[in-house]
Amino acid sequence: MKQFALIVVLAVCVVAVSAAFGQPGGPQPPTPTKADTPPVVMNYICLLVIVAMAIGANLIPSKRGHQD
């Protein structure tokens, strides 16, 4: 009975090792399906809003008194 259990354990190990050798070596990076295109129009709109806010902030007159 011990011999049969040993043979079964060895057979399971051989099957597991042979299955492991059948796998591709090392981790593989995922392959992209479609290249993403950046939202060009939205980027330009955000840029214009930021530039307009910067210019608007600079156009606000400073309130300096006679003691500055």
Protein backbone atom coordinates (compact mmCIF):
# COMPACT_ATOMS: atom_id res chain seq x y z
CA MET A 1 0.00 0.00 0.00
CA LYS A 2 2.86 2.39 0.79
CA GLN A 3 4.40 1.67 -2.60
CA PHE A 4 1.14 2.48 -4.37
CA ALA A 5 0.83 5.80 -2.50
CA LEU A 6 4.44 6.66 -3.35
CA ILE A 7 3.84 5.89 -7.03
CA VAL A 8 0.70 8.05 -7.04
CA VAL A 9 2.54 10.95 -5.37
CA LEU A 10 5.41 10.70 -7.86
CA ALA A 11 2.98 10.53 -10.78
CA VAL A 12 1.18 13.66 -9.55
CA CYS A 13 4.51 15.48 -9.20
CA VAL A 14 5.59 14.48 -12.71
CA VAL A 15 2.28 15.65 -14.19
CA ALA A 16 2.46 18.96 -12.30
CA VAL A 17 6.05 19.61 -13.34
CA SER A 18 5.38 18.74 -16.98
CA ALA A 19 2.39 21.13 -17.00
CA ALA A 20 4.57 23.87 -15.51
CA PHE A 21 7.20 23.40 -18.22
CA GLY A 22 4.51 23.76 -20.86
CA GLN A 23 3.72 27.31 -19.79
CA PRO A 24 5.35 30.28 -21.56
CA GLY A 25 8.42 31.54 -19.73
CA GLY A 26 8.08 34.63 -17.59
CA PRO A 27 5.26 37.11 -17.25
CA GLN A 28 4.04 38.57 -20.52
CA PRO A 29 2.81 42.18 -20.79
CA PRO A 30 -0.75 42.63 -22.00
CA THR A 31 -1.17 43.50 -25.66
CA PRO A 32 -3.21 46.65 -26.30
CA THR A 33 -6.24 46.16 -28.49
CA LYS A 34 -6.68 49.74 -29.69
CA ALA A 35 -4.51 52.81 -29.38
CA ASP A 36 -6.28 55.55 -27.43
CA THR A 37 -6.43 58.97 -29.06
CA PRO A 38 -6.20 61.94 -26.70
CA PRO A 39 -9.15 64.37 -26.64
CA VAL A 40 -7.47 67.20 -28.55
CA VAL A 41 -10.43 69.60 -28.56
CA MET A 42 -11.01 69.25 -24.83
CA ASN A 43 -7.32 69.86 -24.13
CA TYR A 44 -7.38 73.09 -26.16
CA ILE A 45 -10.55 74.27 -24.42
CA CYS A 46 -8.98 73.66 -21.00
CA LEU A 47 -5.83 75.49 -22.10
CA LEU A 48 -7.86 78.49 -23.27
CA VAL A 49 -9.81 78.60 -19.99
CA ILE A 50 -6.62 78.51 -17.92
CA VAL A 51 -4.95 81.22 -20.03
CA ALA A 52 -8.09 83.40 -19.85
CA MET A 53 -8.17 83.01 -16.06
CA ALA A 54 -4.49 83.97 -15.78
CA ILE A 55 -4.96 87.04 -17.99
CA GLY A 56 -8.14 88.01 -16.13
CA ALA A 57 -6.38 87.78 -12.77
CA ASN A 58 -3.59 90.04 -14.04
CA LEU A 59 -6.04 92.65 -15.32
CA ILE A 60 -7.58 93.22 -11.87
CA PRO A 61 -6.11 96.49 -10.60
CA SER A 62 -4.24 96.36 -7.32
CA LYS A 63 -5.68 98.48 -4.51
CA ARG A 64 -2.70 100.35 -3.26
CA GLY A 65 -3.04 103.21 -0.92
CA HIS A 66 -0.89 106.26 -0.39
CA GLN A 67 1.10 104.50 2.35
CA ASP A 68 2.59 101.75 0.09
